Amino acid sequence: MSFSQSTHQMIDSKQIRQASYLAMHPQMNKIYAVNTDTSPRDISVYLISEGKFTDMYDSPYHGDYAMTPKMVVSSDGKYIFNGAGTVFQSANSKPANMQYVAAIASFDNIAFDMTGKTMYASSKNMIQSYDYQTFNFNTSKTTEGEVLKLFYQDQQLITISKVVPQGSKIPVYAVMVYNPQLMFS
């Protein structure tokens, strides 16, 4: 459903397959959905204009590429990253939208440094650095604890991590801040 910000009234609604995970495009003109209740998984897009759903279509692939329910649109809106490591293009034209671009290692979280043209992907207690323009792997570093969430802000990598202190069996949750320049040098 979409609602007016000023009147709070519903503008439009569209049914999206049950149990789908959603990702909003930064321009807020598209919602990408990945299904979780069928195999193989598939991506679809719902186009939005002035709060109204104007079109919906599936990706051109059906089972050709590995997919998990995790899906993130890059902060510049150019790419769709799936947790299996599959990268698709995000475009305004239907023939170009959701086209396969590249593959990186599977991940649980991903964050983008658009000024440095770098992206960071985490899985368990590992953060990997990639060149955003080529998707080439740069390097990886082990973190203290399992990274549950990963953010990039103000030239810092920020994690919410589950850490088990030495000598304890009880996990604690910690916010960790890393300088990627030092971490990956």
Protein backbone atom coordinates (compact mmCIF):
# COMPACT_ATOMS: atom_id res chain seq x y z
CA MET A 1 0.00 0.00 0.00
CA SER A 2 1.09 3.56 -0.58
CA PHE A 3 -0.11 6.51 1.47
CA SER A 4 -0.12 10.28 1.06
CA GLN A 5 2.43 11.92 3.35
CA SER A 6 0.20 14.96 3.82
CA THR A 7 -3.27 13.40 4.21
CA HIS A 8 -2.21 9.92 5.39
CA GLN A 9 -4.86 8.49 3.06
CA MET A 10 -4.18 5.36 1.02
CA ILE A 11 -3.28 6.18 -2.59
CA ASP A 12 -2.91 2.70 -4.08
CA SER A 13 -2.28 -0.94 -3.23
CA LYS A 14 -0.81 -3.96 -4.96
CA GLN A 15 -0.58 -7.58 -3.92
CA ILE A 16 2.97 -8.85 -3.54
CA ARG A 17 3.60 -12.57 -3.25
CA GLN A 18 3.35 -13.75 0.36
CA ALA A 19 6.55 -14.17 2.35
CA SER A 20 8.54 -12.03 -0.12
CA TYR A 21 11.44 -9.90 1.10
CA LEU A 22 11.38 -6.33 -0.22
CA ALA A 23 13.98 -3.70 -1.07
CA MET A 24 13.07 -0.10 -1.91
CA HIS A 25 15.10 1.67 -4.59
CA PRO A 26 16.74 4.88 -3.23
CA GLN A 27 14.74 6.98 -5.74
CA MET A 28 11.61 5.39 -4.25
CA ASN A 29 10.26 4.62 -7.74
CA LYS A 30 10.67 0.83 -7.53
CA ILE A 31 10.23 -1.95 -5.01
CA TYR A 32 12.14 -5.16 -5.66
CA ALA A 33 10.76 -8.39 -4.19
CA VAL A 34 12.42 -11.80 -3.83
CA ASN A 35 10.11 -14.71 -3.11
CA THR A 36 10.79 -17.25 -0.39
CA ASP A 37 8.01 -19.78 -0.84
CA THR A 38 8.91 -21.29 -4.21
CA SER A 39 11.98 -22.86 -5.72
CA PRO A 40 13.84 -21.57 -7.52
CA ARG A 41 13.67 -18.06 -6.08
CA ASP A 42 12.87 -15.16 -8.37
CA ILE A 43 13.05 -11.36 -8.28
CA SER A 44 10.26 -9.10 -9.42
CA VAL A 45 9.88 -5.33 -9.53
CA TYR A 46 6.93 -3.07 -8.76
CA LEU A 47 7.16 0.35 -10.41
CA ILE A 48 5.78 3.38 -8.58
CA SER A 49 4.88 6.86 -9.84
CA GLU A 50 3.33 9.52 -7.61
CA GLY A 51 2.33 6.85 -5.11
CA LYS A 52 0.62 4.61 -7.67
CA PHE A 53 1.81 1.17 -8.70
CA THR A 54 2.18 1.45 -12.47
CA ASP A 55 3.68 -1.89 -13.51
CA MET A 56 5.05 -5.18 -12.23
CA TYR A 57 7.26 -7.75 -13.93
CA ASP A 58 9.60 -10.63 -13.12
CA SER A 59 13.32 -10.83 -13.79
CA PRO A 60 14.32 -12.44 -17.09
CA TYR A 61 15.85 -15.37 -15.17
CA HIS A 62 14.18 -18.22 -13.36
CA GLY A 63 16.63 -20.36 -11.44
CA ASP A 64 19.66 -19.35 -13.51
CA TYR A 65 21.45 -17.70 -10.57
CA ALA A 66 21.76 -18.51 -6.88
CA MET A 67 19.50 -16.46 -4.62
CA THR A 68 18.77 -16.06 -0.93
CA PRO A 69 15.97 -14.00 0.65
CA LYS A 70 18.53 -11.24 1.43
CA MET A 71 18.41 -8.41 -1.12
CA VAL A 72 19.85 -4.88 -1.02
CA VAL A 73 19.76 -2.08 -3.59
CA SER A 74 23.04 -0.13 -3.66
CA SER A 75 22.89 3.37 -2.22
CA ASP A 76 23.37 4.90 -5.69
CA GLY A 77 20.54 2.73 -7.04
CA LYS A 78 22.60 1.10 -9.81
CA TYR A 79 22.68 -2.49 -8.57
CA ILE A 80 20.68 -5.13 -6.72
CA PHE A 81 22.81 -7.36 -4.48
CA ASN A 82 21.47 -10.74 -3.44
CA GLY A 83 22.85 -12.47 -0.35
CA ALA A 84 24.01 -15.41 -2.49
CA GLY A 85 26.51 -12.94 -3.98
CA THR A 86 24.62 -12.44 -7.22
CA VAL A 87 24.62 -8.86 -8.56
CA PHE A 88 21.96 -7.53 -10.93
CA GLN A 89 21.58 -4.17 -12.63
CA SER A 90 18.81 -1.83 -11.49
CA ALA A 91 17.57 0.23 -14.43
CA ASN A 92 14.56 2.25 -15.50
CA SER A 93 14.10 0.36 -18.78
CA LYS A 94 12.52 -3.08 -18.60
CA PRO A 95 15.06 -4.79 -20.94
CA ALA A 96 18.00 -3.58 -18.80
CA ASN A 97 16.41 -3.98 -15.37
CA MET A 98 17.43 -7.00 -13.26
CA GLN A 99 20.09 -8.12 -15.76
CA TYR A 100 22.90 -10.24 -14.31
CA VAL A 101 26.13 -8.26 -13.80
CA ALA A 102 28.56 -10.18 -11.58
CA ALA A 103 29.05 -12.49 -8.63
CA ILE A 104 30.80 -11.86 -5.33
CA ALA A 105 31.06 -14.10 -2.27
CA SER A 106 27.81 -14.75 -0.41
CA PHE A 107 27.09 -12.28 2.38
CA ASP A 108 24.79 -11.49 5.28
CA ASN A 109 25.21 -7.69 5.17
CA ILE A 110 26.55 -5.15 2.70
CA ALA A 111 27.49 -1.46 2.96
CA PHE A 112 28.69 1.07 0.41
CA ASP A 113 31.34 3.81 0.40
CA MET A 114 30.32 5.68 -2.74
CA THR A 115 33.05 8.31 -2.44
CA GLY A 116 35.78 5.69 -2.21
CA LYS A 117 34.04 3.41 -4.71
CA THR A 118 34.33 0.53 -2.25
CA MET A 119 31.78 -1.87 -0.86
CA TYR A 120 32.01 -4.04 2.21
CA ALA A 121 30.24 -7.35 2.68
CA SER A 122 30.09 -9.35 5.89
CA SER A 123 29.50 -13.00 6.61
CA LYS A 124 29.79 -14.41 10.13
CA ASN A 125 32.93 -12.76 11.60
CA MET A 126 34.48 -11.69 8.29
CA ILE A 127 34.27 -8.38 6.41
CA GLN A 128 35.33 -8.38 2.78
CA SER A 129 36.28 -5.32 0.76
CA TYR A 130 35.42 -5.04 -2.96
CA ASP A 131 36.02 -2.48 -5.68
CA TYR A 132 32.53 -1.13 -6.38
CA GLN A 133 33.22 -0.35 -10.04
CA THR A 134 34.64 -3.76 -11.02
CA PHE A 135 33.27 -5.99 -8.20
CA ASN A 136 36.81 -7.33 -7.78
CA PHE A 137 37.68 -8.65 -4.32
CA ASN A 138 40.25 -6.49 -2.50
CA THR A 139 40.87 -8.10 0.88
CA SER A 140 39.14 -9.45 3.97
CA LYS A 141 39.52 -9.07 7.71
CA THR A 142 38.27 -11.07 10.66
CA THR A 143 36.23 -9.18 13.24
CA GLU A 144 35.65 -9.79 16.89
CA GLY A 145 32.33 -11.58 17.01
CA GLU A 146 29.66 -12.28 14.43
CA VAL A 147 28.58 -9.25 12.40
CA LEU A 148 24.78 -8.98 12.63
CA LYS A 149 24.47 -5.58 10.89
CA LEU A 150 26.96 -3.58 8.83
CA PHE A 151 26.82 0.15 8.05
CA TYR A 152 29.11 2.68 6.40
CA GLN A 153 28.87 6.28 7.58
CA ASP A 154 31.27 9.21 7.91
CA GLN A 155 34.18 7.17 6.53
CA GLN A 156 33.69 4.47 9.16
CA LEU A 157 32.44 0.91 9.12
CA ILE A 158 30.01 0.30 11.95
CA THR A 159 28.90 -3.15 13.01
CA ILE A 160 26.42 -4.50 15.46
CA SER A 161 28.10 -7.73 16.50
CA LYS A 162 27.44 -10.68 18.76
CA VAL A 163 30.56 -11.26 20.84
CA VAL A 164 31.31 -13.98 23.38
CA PRO A 165 33.89 -12.51 25.79
CA GLN A 166 36.88 -14.68 26.62
CA GLY A 167 36.14 -16.94 29.58
CA SER A 168 32.37 -16.54 29.19
CA LYS A 169 29.66 -18.51 27.46
CA ILE A 170 27.21 -15.63 27.45
CA PRO A 171 27.14 -13.51 24.28
CA VAL A 172 26.94 -9.74 24.42
CA TYR A 173 25.92 -7.37 21.67
CA ALA A 174 28.38 -4.66 20.80
CA VAL A 175 28.62 -1.71 18.45
CA MET A 176 32.04 -1.80 16.83
CA VAL A 177 33.49 1.10 14.83
CA TYR A 178 36.29 0.51 12.33
CA ASN A 179 38.36 2.82 10.18
CA PRO A 180 38.40 0.98 6.84
CA GLN A 181 41.59 2.80 5.80
CA LEU A 182 43.40 1.19 8.74
CA MET A 183 41.46 -2.05 8.78
CA PHE A 184 42.13 -2.92 5.14
CA SER A 185 45.61 -1.41 4.70
